[in-house]
Amino acid sequence: MERRLGFSWRLLMLLAAISLEIGCGVAAKEPRGKRRHAYAAMMYMGTPRDYEFYVATRVMMRSLNQLRVDADLVVIASIDVPARWLRALKEEDGVKVVTVENLKNPYEKQDNFNNRFKLTLNKLYAWSLVAYDRVVMLDSDNLFLQRTDELFQCGQFCAVFINPCIFHTGLFVLQPSIDVFNNMLHELEIGRENPDGADQGFLASYFPDLLDRPMFHPPANGSKLDGFYRLPLGYQMDASYYYLKLRWSIPCGPNSVITFPSAPWLKPWYWWSWPVLPLGLSWHEQRRMNLGYGSELPVMLMQSVMYLGIIAVTRLARPSLTKLCYNRKPEKSITLLHVTLKVAGIWSIVAAYTVPFFLVPRTVHPTLGWSLYLLGSASLTSIVINVFLLPGLPVLTPWLGILGSLFVMAWPWYSDGVVRALAVFAYAFCCAPFVWEALRKVMGSLQTLLEREAFFPRLGESTELPCKLY
């Protein structure tokens, strides 16, 4: 009994703190009066992509501010989120921050549990925001095309069915309630069925009959509805729908919000998301207009200077092939070393094209990201060309191929996604012979290099002996 009372007392204290923080949050740049509604998102730590989601949350909140929504902007942040991030949200973005303890996930031992969803149950704290009549709970990968304040007219719980049978929790409407919140915590304690161990599975289990509910249509008089409703698909337009026809044609409701429920490394805030995925540029345009790229520019400038310096130095230091000599009788004892050199040459080329990719700041604008990547790969390939005395064009053939593929994917006049995919495939098919020929020439150059006594002198002989030049 005492344990139950202790738990209840701590829960009441936590809810009181949340309510107080909502009421006394830092004001936005433009003063806001007391609002009855809120757009809310959550932030937590513990994934390799914490910073990217922080940037995404800021962009989404600023875009809502830009749309002049009639609601507060709230972020439910776990206690380990860096203070400087929270300060930026409050002071620069006009967001009210609610700090919470992470909810323990009781589904961690499920066979299909994905550790990156471990703390997504913090989303349940949205039901504790009782200072508001309605809350629209959001994931950070939402891209708003227009205001959606009519959602605050929906009932106690409303969500979109992207999957024909399971609603999506990237955006849903709820009526905050301490009773519902407490009941959800109780369901977590007793281990309610949860197919995926995350917020999606828990809420789908908690509201199992939402599929049978009527479609939401906002009343013209602005009144609020009671009950549970399905939201039209236009409030959660899956980006994959766009890629088939390269345009939106969602007949259900206003085309208001794009969501990106794809693999984590294909989220729109990554610089490589465009032109691979056409909608990546739309997200970055919102960031450019609302937040900018000031935090990444110093790193990009330093890398650019470093790459340009490497190109200049290797250009000046390139040796002349005509000064090397042939060794007509290579020693069998260094055959293994010859093989090792060939492998090292090929892997050096591969590294020259992969290392710059991982050095580019991941959330920069795609045009800046691809430009820096191409500059970096050109500089590192220049080192490989100098070290192994390789011909420039074959080594740079993949560089030219990548540049061409970017133009093919970014071409804006494809009639639909199928034609675009066929164009990319045709380009890759046409490039394959050139890449193969370039590889053949590189291997031939490495073999020629191995025959030069200046690189591998004969064992037991001095490299200072005169040699015949060819």
Protein backbone atom coordinates (compact mmCIF):
# COMPACT_ATOMS: atom_id res chain seq x y z
CA MET A 1 0.00 0.00 0.00
CA GLU A 2 2.82 2.38 0.93
CA ARG A 3 4.58 1.65 -2.35
CA ARG A 4 1.41 2.52 -4.31
CA LEU A 5 1.00 5.76 -2.36
CA GLY A 6 4.64 6.63 -2.98
CA PHE A 7 4.30 6.00 -6.71
CA SER A 8 1.09 8.07 -6.86
CA TRP A 9 2.71 10.93 -4.96
CA ARG A 10 5.72 11.01 -7.33
CA LEU A 11 3.40 10.87 -10.34
CA LEU A 12 1.34 13.80 -9.04
CA MET A 13 4.50 15.82 -8.41
CA LEU A 14 5.73 15.10 -11.94
CA LEU A 15 2.42 16.13 -13.50
CA ALA A 16 2.34 19.30 -11.41
CA ALA A 17 5.83 20.18 -12.63
CA ILE A 18 4.79 19.57 -16.23
CA SER A 19 1.72 21.77 -15.89
CA LEU A 20 3.77 24.52 -14.26
CA GLU A 21 6.40 24.40 -16.98
CA ILE A 22 3.74 24.59 -19.69
CA GLY A 23 2.18 27.60 -18.02
CA CYS A 24 5.49 29.41 -17.42
CA GLY A 25 7.45 28.49 -20.55
CA VAL A 26 9.73 31.01 -22.21
CA ALA A 27 7.85 33.28 -24.56
CA ALA A 28 8.40 33.15 -28.29
CA LYS A 29 10.01 35.91 -30.27
CA GLU A 30 6.50 37.10 -31.07
CA PRO A 31 4.57 37.30 -27.77
CA ARG A 32 1.85 34.69 -27.49
CA GLY A 33 -1.18 34.78 -25.30
CA LYS A 34 -2.48 31.73 -23.52
CA ARG A 35 -3.32 29.12 -26.12
CA ARG A 36 -5.80 26.28 -25.80
CA HIS A 37 -4.03 24.09 -28.33
CA ALA A 38 -0.50 22.88 -28.97
CA TYR A 39 1.67 21.23 -31.57
CA ALA A 40 4.03 18.93 -29.69
CA ALA A 41 7.11 16.88 -30.54
CA MET A 42 9.51 14.86 -28.41
CA MET A 43 13.28 14.71 -28.06
CA TYR A 44 15.41 12.12 -26.33
CA MET A 45 19.05 11.00 -26.37
CA GLY A 46 20.72 7.68 -26.93
CA THR A 47 20.77 7.17 -30.71
CA PRO A 48 23.57 7.85 -33.23
CA ARG A 49 21.31 10.48 -34.84
CA ASP A 50 20.40 12.67 -31.87
CA TYR A 51 21.78 15.85 -33.43
CA GLU A 52 20.00 15.27 -36.73
CA PHE A 53 16.64 14.87 -34.98
CA TYR A 54 17.34 17.99 -32.96
CA VAL A 55 17.88 19.95 -36.17
CA ALA A 56 14.77 18.38 -37.71
CA THR A 57 12.67 19.35 -34.69
CA ARG A 58 13.86 22.95 -34.87
CA VAL A 59 13.09 23.17 -38.59
CA MET A 60 9.59 21.76 -38.08
CA MET A 61 8.81 24.11 -35.19
CA ARG A 62 10.10 27.13 -37.08
CA SER A 63 8.06 26.18 -40.14
CA LEU A 64 4.93 26.04 -37.95
CA ASN A 65 5.80 29.46 -36.58
CA GLN A 66 6.22 30.70 -40.14
CA LEU A 67 2.72 29.42 -40.92
CA ARG A 68 1.42 31.46 -37.94
CA VAL A 69 -0.44 28.57 -36.39
CA ASP A 70 -2.86 29.46 -33.59
CA ALA A 71 -1.26 27.13 -31.05
CA ASP A 72 1.68 26.78 -28.69
CA LEU A 73 4.74 24.87 -29.81
CA VAL A 74 5.86 22.31 -27.24
CA VAL A 75 8.80 19.91 -27.09
CA ILE A 76 8.68 17.03 -24.61
CA ALA A 77 12.39 16.58 -23.86
CA SER A 78 14.05 13.90 -21.76
CA ILE A 79 16.24 15.14 -18.90
CA ASP A 80 19.49 14.23 -20.70
CA VAL A 81 18.92 16.50 -23.72
CA PRO A 82 21.80 19.06 -23.74
CA ALA A 83 20.94 22.35 -22.07
CA ARG A 84 22.23 24.39 -25.03
CA TRP A 85 19.77 22.60 -27.33
CA LEU A 86 16.86 23.36 -25.01
CA ARG A 87 18.00 26.97 -24.66
CA ALA A 88 18.03 27.36 -28.45
CA LEU A 89 14.53 25.88 -28.70
CA LYS A 90 13.19 28.27 -26.08
CA GLU A 91 15.04 31.48 -26.85
CA GLU A 92 15.47 31.27 -30.62
CA ASP A 93 12.49 29.18 -31.76
CA GLY A 94 9.80 30.24 -29.28
CA VAL A 95 9.17 26.68 -28.11
CA LYS A 96 7.91 25.69 -24.67
CA VAL A 97 10.02 22.84 -23.34
CA VAL A 98 8.66 20.20 -20.97
CA THR A 99 11.38 18.12 -19.31
CA VAL A 100 10.44 14.55 -18.39
CA GLU A 101 11.97 11.33 -17.13
CA ASN A 102 12.34 8.62 -19.74
CA LEU A 103 9.60 6.03 -19.54
CA LYS A 104 10.98 2.53 -19.09
CA ASN A 105 10.24 0.36 -22.10
CA PRO A 106 9.01 -3.05 -20.90
CA TYR A 107 9.27 -4.57 -24.40
CA GLU A 108 13.07 -4.50 -24.75
CA LYS A 109 13.38 -8.27 -24.58
CA GLN A 110 11.00 -8.91 -27.49
CA ASP A 111 12.63 -10.75 -30.38
CA ASN A 112 11.68 -8.08 -32.91
CA PHE A 113 12.61 -5.11 -30.69
CA ASN A 114 14.59 -2.35 -32.40
CA ASN A 115 16.77 -0.48 -29.94
CA ARG A 116 16.35 2.86 -31.73
CA PHE A 117 12.69 2.83 -30.61
CA LYS A 118 13.57 2.25 -26.97
CA LEU A 119 12.47 5.71 -25.76
CA THR A 120 9.64 6.43 -28.20
CA LEU A 121 7.13 5.64 -25.45
CA ASN A 122 7.95 9.11 -24.11
CA LYS A 123 5.33 10.17 -26.62
CA LEU A 124 2.70 9.09 -24.08
CA TYR A 125 3.56 12.19 -22.05
CA ALA A 126 1.44 14.12 -24.57
CA TRP A 127 -1.64 12.97 -22.62
CA SER A 128 -0.28 14.74 -19.54
CA LEU A 129 -0.34 18.20 -21.21
CA VAL A 130 -3.63 19.00 -19.53
CA ALA A 131 -3.13 22.75 -19.91
CA TYR A 132 -4.43 22.28 -23.46
CA ASP A 133 -7.80 21.20 -24.88
CA ARG A 134 -6.22 19.46 -27.86
CA VAL A 135 -2.66 18.49 -28.82
CA VAL A 136 -1.33 17.49 -32.24
CA MET A 137 1.56 15.13 -31.54
CA LEU A 138 4.25 15.08 -34.22
CA ASP A 139 7.33 13.19 -35.29
CA SER A 140 10.25 15.35 -36.38
CA ASP A 141 10.16 14.15 -40.00
CA ASN A 142 6.95 15.96 -40.86
CA LEU A 143 7.03 18.61 -43.59
CA PHE A 144 4.13 21.08 -43.36
CA LEU A 145 2.81 22.53 -46.62
CA GLN A 146 0.05 24.61 -45.02
CA ARG A 147 -1.68 25.30 -41.70
CA THR A 148 -3.55 22.42 -40.13
CA ASP A 149 -5.25 24.16 -37.19
CA GLU A 150 -8.55 22.50 -38.11
CA LEU A 151 -7.12 19.33 -36.55
CA PHE A 152 -7.81 20.83 -33.12
CA GLN A 153 -11.50 20.28 -33.83
CA CYS A 154 -11.03 16.53 -33.86
CA GLY A 155 -12.06 14.27 -30.97
CA GLN A 156 -10.30 12.43 -28.16
CA PHE A 157 -7.98 10.53 -30.52
CA CYS A 158 -7.54 10.83 -34.29
CA ALA A 159 -4.86 9.36 -36.57
CA VAL A 160 -4.07 8.60 -40.22
CA PHE A 161 -3.99 5.13 -41.75
CA ILE A 162 -0.97 5.04 -44.06
CA ASN A 163 -0.94 1.28 -43.78
CA PRO A 164 -4.40 -0.08 -44.73
CA CYS A 165 -4.80 -1.73 -41.32
CA ILE A 166 -2.52 0.14 -38.88
CA PHE A 167 -2.62 3.86 -38.21
CA HIS A 168 0.57 5.91 -38.25
CA THR A 169 1.76 7.72 -35.10
CA GLY A 170 3.85 10.32 -36.92
CA LEU A 171 0.91 12.72 -36.48
CA PHE A 172 -2.15 12.25 -34.30
CA VAL A 173 -4.60 14.38 -32.41
CA LEU A 174 -5.43 13.77 -28.75
CA GLN A 175 -7.33 15.27 -25.88
CA PRO A 176 -4.99 15.39 -22.86
CA SER A 177 -6.27 13.50 -19.86
CA ILE A 178 -4.57 12.50 -16.62
CA ASP A 179 -6.86 9.49 -16.36
CA VAL A 180 -5.86 8.23 -19.81
CA PHE A 181 -2.19 8.91 -19.07
CA ASN A 182 -2.32 6.97 -15.80
CA ASN A 183 -4.12 4.11 -17.51
CA MET A 184 -1.45 3.98 -20.21
CA LEU A 185 1.27 3.79 -17.55
CA HIS A 186 -0.65 0.97 -15.92
CA GLU A 187 -0.88 -0.85 -19.25
CA LEU A 188 2.88 -0.54 -19.61
CA GLU A 189 3.36 -2.03 -16.15
CA ILE A 190 1.22 -5.07 -16.86
CA GLY A 191 2.84 -5.56 -20.29
CA ARG A 192 0.05 -4.78 -22.73
CA GLU A 193 0.53 -6.45 -26.11
CA ASN A 194 2.81 -4.42 -28.35
CA PRO A 195 3.72 -5.84 -31.78
CA ASP A 196 6.84 -3.69 -32.34
CA GLY A 197 7.80 -2.61 -28.82
CA ALA A 198 7.52 1.08 -29.77
CA ASP A 199 4.90 3.82 -29.53
CA GLN A 200 3.33 2.71 -32.82
CA GLY A 201 2.52 -0.79 -31.61
CA PHE A 202 1.41 0.33 -28.16
CA LEU A 203 -1.03 2.96 -29.42
CA ALA A 204 -2.38 0.63 -32.11
CA SER A 205 -3.07 -1.89 -29.34
CA TYR A 206 -4.55 0.76 -27.05
CA PHE A 207 -6.94 2.07 -29.74
CA PRO A 208 -7.68 -1.19 -31.59
CA ASP A 209 -10.96 -0.20 -33.24
CA LEU A 210 -9.92 3.13 -34.82
CA LEU A 211 -10.20 1.60 -38.29
CA ASP A 212 -13.97 1.29 -37.80
CA ARG A 213 -14.41 4.94 -36.81
CA PRO A 214 -15.75 7.64 -39.15
CA MET A 215 -13.55 9.94 -41.20
CA PHE A 216 -12.80 13.36 -39.70
CA HIS A 217 -14.37 16.38 -41.41
CA PRO A 218 -13.92 19.67 -39.51
CA PRO A 219 -17.24 21.33 -38.65
CA ALA A 220 -17.74 24.59 -40.50
CA ASN A 221 -18.76 26.39 -37.30
CA GLY A 222 -15.39 25.65 -35.63
CA SER A 223 -16.82 23.42 -32.90
CA LYS A 224 -14.94 20.45 -31.45
CA LEU A 225 -15.97 16.87 -32.06
CA ASP A 226 -16.16 14.11 -29.48
CA GLY A 227 -15.07 10.53 -29.99
CA PHE A 228 -12.48 8.85 -32.19
CA TYR A 229 -11.88 9.56 -35.88
CA ARG A 230 -9.72 8.54 -38.79
CA LEU A 231 -7.82 11.43 -40.33
CA PRO A 232 -7.70 11.88 -44.13
CA LEU A 233 -4.50 10.72 -45.80
CA GLY A 234 -3.66 14.29 -46.78
CA TYR A 235 -2.48 14.92 -43.21
CA GLN A 236 0.23 12.23 -43.51
CA MET A 237 1.24 11.91 -47.14
CA ASP A 238 3.85 9.18 -47.29
CA ALA A 239 6.77 10.48 -49.39
CA SER A 240 6.89 7.17 -51.25
CA TYR A 241 3.51 8.04 -52.84
CA TYR A 242 5.21 11.00 -54.53
CA TYR A 243 8.05 9.07 -56.09
CA LEU A 244 5.81 7.04 -58.37
CA LYS A 245 4.25 9.99 -60.22
CA LEU A 246 6.53 12.86 -59.08
CA ARG A 247 3.50 14.84 -58.00
CA TRP A 248 0.87 14.71 -55.30
CA SER A 249 -2.56 13.31 -56.10
CA ILE A 250 -4.01 12.53 -52.67
CA PRO A 251 -7.81 12.81 -52.93
CA CYS A 252 -8.50 12.40 -49.19
CA GLY A 253 -8.51 15.76 -47.45
CA PRO A 254 -6.17 18.72 -47.92
CA ASN A 255 -2.64 17.89 -48.99
CA SER A 256 -1.12 19.43 -45.86
CA VAL A 257 1.68 17.33 -44.36
CA ILE A 258 4.38 15.10 -45.87
CA THR A 259 5.91 12.36 -43.74
CA PHE A 260 9.05 10.31 -44.35
CA PRO A 261 8.59 6.91 -42.62
CA SER A 262 11.56 5.41 -44.46
CA ALA A 263 14.89 3.93 -43.39
CA PRO A 264 16.74 6.24 -40.96
CA TRP A 265 19.55 6.96 -43.42
CA LEU A 266 17.02 8.17 -46.03
CA LYS A 267 15.48 10.89 -43.87
CA PRO A 268 15.18 14.18 -45.79
CA TRP A 269 17.63 16.18 -43.64
CA TYR A 270 20.65 14.23 -44.89
CA TRP A 271 22.56 15.93 -47.70
CA TRP A 272 22.59 12.78 -49.84
CA SER A 273 18.78 12.54 -49.74
CA TRP A 274 18.64 14.73 -52.87
CA PRO A 275 18.61 14.10 -55.78
CA VAL A 276 18.36 10.42 -54.83
CA LEU A 277 14.93 11.22 -53.34
CA PRO A 278 13.41 14.32 -54.99
CA LEU A 279 11.53 15.51 -51.87
CA GLY A 280 14.76 15.89 -49.89
CA LEU A 281 15.24 19.31 -51.48
CA SER A 282 11.81 20.47 -50.26
CA TRP A 283 12.81 19.80 -46.65
CA HIS A 284 16.13 21.59 -47.08
CA GLU A 285 14.38 24.58 -48.62
CA GLN A 286 12.31 24.87 -45.46
CA ARG A 287 15.48 24.69 -43.39
CA ARG A 288 17.18 27.31 -45.57
CA MET A 289 14.27 29.70 -45.11
CA ASN A 290 13.71 29.08 -41.39
CA LEU A 291 16.94 27.98 -39.71
CA GLY A 292 19.86 28.27 -42.12
CA TYR A 293 23.14 26.36 -42.11
CA GLY A 294 25.34 28.56 -39.93
CA SER A 295 26.35 25.73 -37.60
CA GLU A 296 27.84 23.62 -40.41
CA LEU A 297 29.49 26.33 -42.54
CA PRO A 298 32.76 26.65 -40.50
CA VAL A 299 33.41 22.91 -40.83
CA MET A 300 32.67 23.03 -44.56
CA LEU A 301 35.02 25.97 -45.09
CA MET A 302 37.86 24.22 -43.25
CA GLN A 303 37.37 21.06 -45.28
CA SER A 304 37.24 23.02 -48.54
CA VAL A 305 40.53 24.80 -47.75
CA MET A 306 42.14 21.48 -46.82
CA TYR A 307 41.00 19.79 -50.04
CA LEU A 308 42.15 22.71 -52.23
CA GLY A 309 45.52 22.65 -50.48
CA ILE A 310 45.88 18.91 -51.16
CA ILE A 311 45.09 19.41 -54.85
CA ALA A 312 47.63 22.25 -55.11
CA VAL A 313 50.40 20.31 -53.37
CA THR A 314 49.88 17.10 -55.36
CA ARG A 315 49.77 19.08 -58.58
CA LEU A 316 53.13 20.66 -57.85
CA ALA A 317 54.75 17.49 -56.51
CA ARG A 318 53.74 15.05 -59.27
CA PRO A 319 56.82 13.03 -60.40
CA SER A 320 57.66 12.28 -64.01
CA LEU A 321 57.20 8.72 -65.23
CA THR A 322 60.00 9.10 -67.80
CA LYS A 323 62.53 9.24 -64.95
CA LEU A 324 61.79 5.67 -63.88
CA CYS A 325 63.56 2.57 -65.21
CA TYR A 326 62.44 -0.91 -66.18
CA ASN A 327 63.49 -4.02 -64.31
CA ARG A 328 63.31 -6.80 -66.91
CA LYS A 329 63.96 -9.60 -64.42
CA PRO A 330 61.77 -9.10 -61.38
CA GLU A 331 62.60 -11.24 -58.39
CA LYS A 332 60.14 -14.02 -57.62
CA SER A 333 60.65 -13.33 -53.92
CA ILE A 334 58.77 -10.06 -54.16
CA THR A 335 55.72 -11.44 -56.00
CA LEU A 336 53.64 -11.21 -52.83
CA LEU A 337 54.69 -7.62 -52.42
CA HIS A 338 53.58 -6.91 -55.98
CA VAL A 339 50.14 -8.38 -55.28
CA THR A 340 49.94 -6.36 -52.08
CA LEU A 341 50.74 -3.19 -54.00
CA LYS A 342 47.96 -3.84 -56.50
CA VAL A 343 45.45 -4.43 -53.74
CA ALA A 344 46.65 -1.30 -51.94
CA GLY A 345 46.24 0.74 -55.12
CA ILE A 346 42.66 -0.41 -55.71
CA TRP A 347 41.66 0.05 -52.07
CA SER A 348 43.24 3.51 -52.04
CA ILE A 349 40.99 4.51 -54.93
CA VAL A 350 37.96 3.09 -53.12
CA ALA A 351 38.92 5.00 -49.95
CA ALA A 352 39.37 8.21 -51.93
CA TYR A 353 35.72 8.00 -52.97
CA THR A 354 34.27 6.86 -49.63
CA VAL A 355 36.16 8.81 -46.94
CA PRO A 356 34.96 12.30 -48.07
CA PHE A 357 31.36 11.04 -47.98
CA PHE A 358 31.59 10.47 -44.23
CA LEU A 359 33.43 13.73 -43.56
CA VAL A 360 30.73 16.00 -45.00
CA PRO A 361 28.47 17.37 -42.20
CA ARG A 362 25.37 15.22 -42.53
CA THR A 363 22.70 17.91 -42.35
CA VAL A 364 24.03 20.48 -44.84
CA HIS A 365 22.13 21.50 -47.94
CA PRO A 366 22.42 18.83 -50.67
CA THR A 367 24.05 21.18 -53.21
CA LEU A 368 26.71 22.12 -50.66
CA GLY A 369 27.12 18.53 -49.50
CA TRP A 370 27.59 17.06 -52.96
CA SER A 371 29.94 19.90 -53.96
CA LEU A 372 32.12 19.28 -50.91
CA TYR A 373 32.05 15.52 -51.50
CA LEU A 374 33.15 15.91 -55.13
CA LEU A 375 35.91 18.32 -54.11
CA GLY A 376 37.09 15.94 -51.38
CA SER A 377 37.09 12.86 -53.61
CA ALA A 378 38.97 14.78 -56.32
CA SER A 379 41.63 15.84 -53.82
CA LEU A 380 42.13 12.34 -52.39
CA THR A 381 42.24 10.73 -55.83
CA SER A 382 44.98 13.21 -56.73
CA ILE A 383 47.03 11.75 -53.86
CA VAL A 384 46.43 8.21 -55.17
CA ILE A 385 47.41 9.27 -58.68
CA ASN A 386 50.69 10.72 -57.39
CA VAL A 387 51.60 7.90 -55.00
CA PHE A 388 50.96 5.09 -57.49
CA LEU A 389 51.84 7.09 -60.62
CA LEU A 390 48.47 6.33 -62.22
CA PRO A 391 46.89 8.03 -65.26
CA GLY A 392 44.42 10.68 -64.16
CA LEU A 393 41.41 10.03 -66.41
CA PRO A 394 40.84 6.34 -65.51
CA VAL A 395 41.08 7.12 -61.78
CA LEU A 396 38.63 10.03 -62.17
CA THR A 397 36.15 8.06 -64.29
CA PRO A 398 33.98 7.15 -61.24
CA TRP A 399 34.07 10.84 -60.25
CA LEU A 400 32.70 11.83 -63.65
CA GLY A 401 30.14 9.01 -63.42
CA ILE A 402 28.89 10.23 -60.04
CA LEU A 403 28.61 13.79 -61.32
CA GLY A 404 26.65 12.62 -64.34
CA SER A 405 24.31 10.50 -62.21
CA LEU A 406 23.49 13.53 -60.09
CA PHE A 407 22.43 15.44 -63.19
CA VAL A 408 20.37 12.49 -64.43
CA MET A 409 18.54 12.14 -61.09
CA ALA A 410 18.06 15.89 -60.66
CA TRP A 411 16.57 16.40 -64.15
CA PRO A 412 13.25 18.14 -63.34
CA TRP A 413 11.24 17.25 -66.44
CA TYR A 414 10.54 13.54 -66.03
CA SER A 415 6.90 12.69 -66.63
CA ASP A 416 6.75 10.26 -63.70
CA GLY A 417 8.87 8.21 -61.33
CA VAL A 418 8.97 5.16 -63.61
CA VAL A 419 10.56 7.15 -66.45
CA ARG A 420 13.04 8.62 -63.96
CA ALA A 421 14.01 5.16 -62.67
CA LEU A 422 14.46 3.86 -66.23
CA ALA A 423 16.65 6.86 -67.08
CA VAL A 424 18.87 6.20 -64.06
CA PHE A 425 19.11 2.51 -64.99
CA ALA A 426 19.98 3.33 -68.62
CA TYR A 427 22.66 5.77 -67.49
CA ALA A 428 24.20 3.14 -65.18
CA PHE A 429 24.11 0.58 -68.01
CA CYS A 430 25.90 2.96 -70.40
CA CYS A 431 28.51 3.90 -67.78
CA ALA A 432 29.44 0.33 -66.89
CA PRO A 433 31.75 -0.27 -69.92
CA PHE A 434 33.64 2.97 -69.22
CA VAL A 435 34.14 2.04 -65.56
CA TRP A 436 35.37 -1.42 -66.56
CA GLU A 437 37.81 0.04 -69.10
CA ALA A 438 39.04 2.52 -66.48
CA LEU A 439 39.64 -0.34 -64.04
CA ARG A 440 41.54 -2.28 -66.70
CA LYS A 441 43.79 0.72 -67.39
CA VAL A 442 44.45 1.26 -63.69
CA MET A 443 45.46 -2.37 -63.26
CA GLY A 444 47.69 -2.09 -66.32
CA SER A 445 49.34 1.02 -64.93
CA LEU A 446 49.99 -0.70 -61.61
CA GLN A 447 51.59 -3.62 -63.46
CA THR A 448 53.80 -1.22 -65.41
CA LEU A 449 54.80 0.47 -62.19
CA LEU A 450 55.86 -2.86 -60.68
CA GLU A 451 58.27 -3.36 -63.55
CA ARG A 452 60.07 -0.12 -62.87
CA GLU A 453 63.28 -0.54 -60.93
CA ALA A 454 62.89 2.82 -59.27
CA PHE A 455 59.88 1.53 -57.31
CA PHE A 456 61.07 -2.05 -56.61
CA PRO A 457 64.86 -2.42 -57.19
CA ARG A 458 66.27 -5.89 -57.63
CA LEU A 459 67.24 -7.52 -54.38
CA GLY A 460 70.91 -7.15 -53.48
CA GLU A 461 71.49 -4.34 -55.99
CA SER A 462 71.97 -0.68 -55.32
CA THR A 463 69.34 1.71 -56.63
CA GLU A 464 72.13 4.10 -57.54
CA LEU A 465 73.34 1.92 -60.41
CA PRO A 466 72.69 3.40 -63.84
CA CYS A 467 69.65 2.07 -65.63
CA LYS A 468 68.37 2.18 -69.13
CA LEU A 469 65.61 4.66 -69.75
CA TYR A 470 62.66 4.02 -72.01
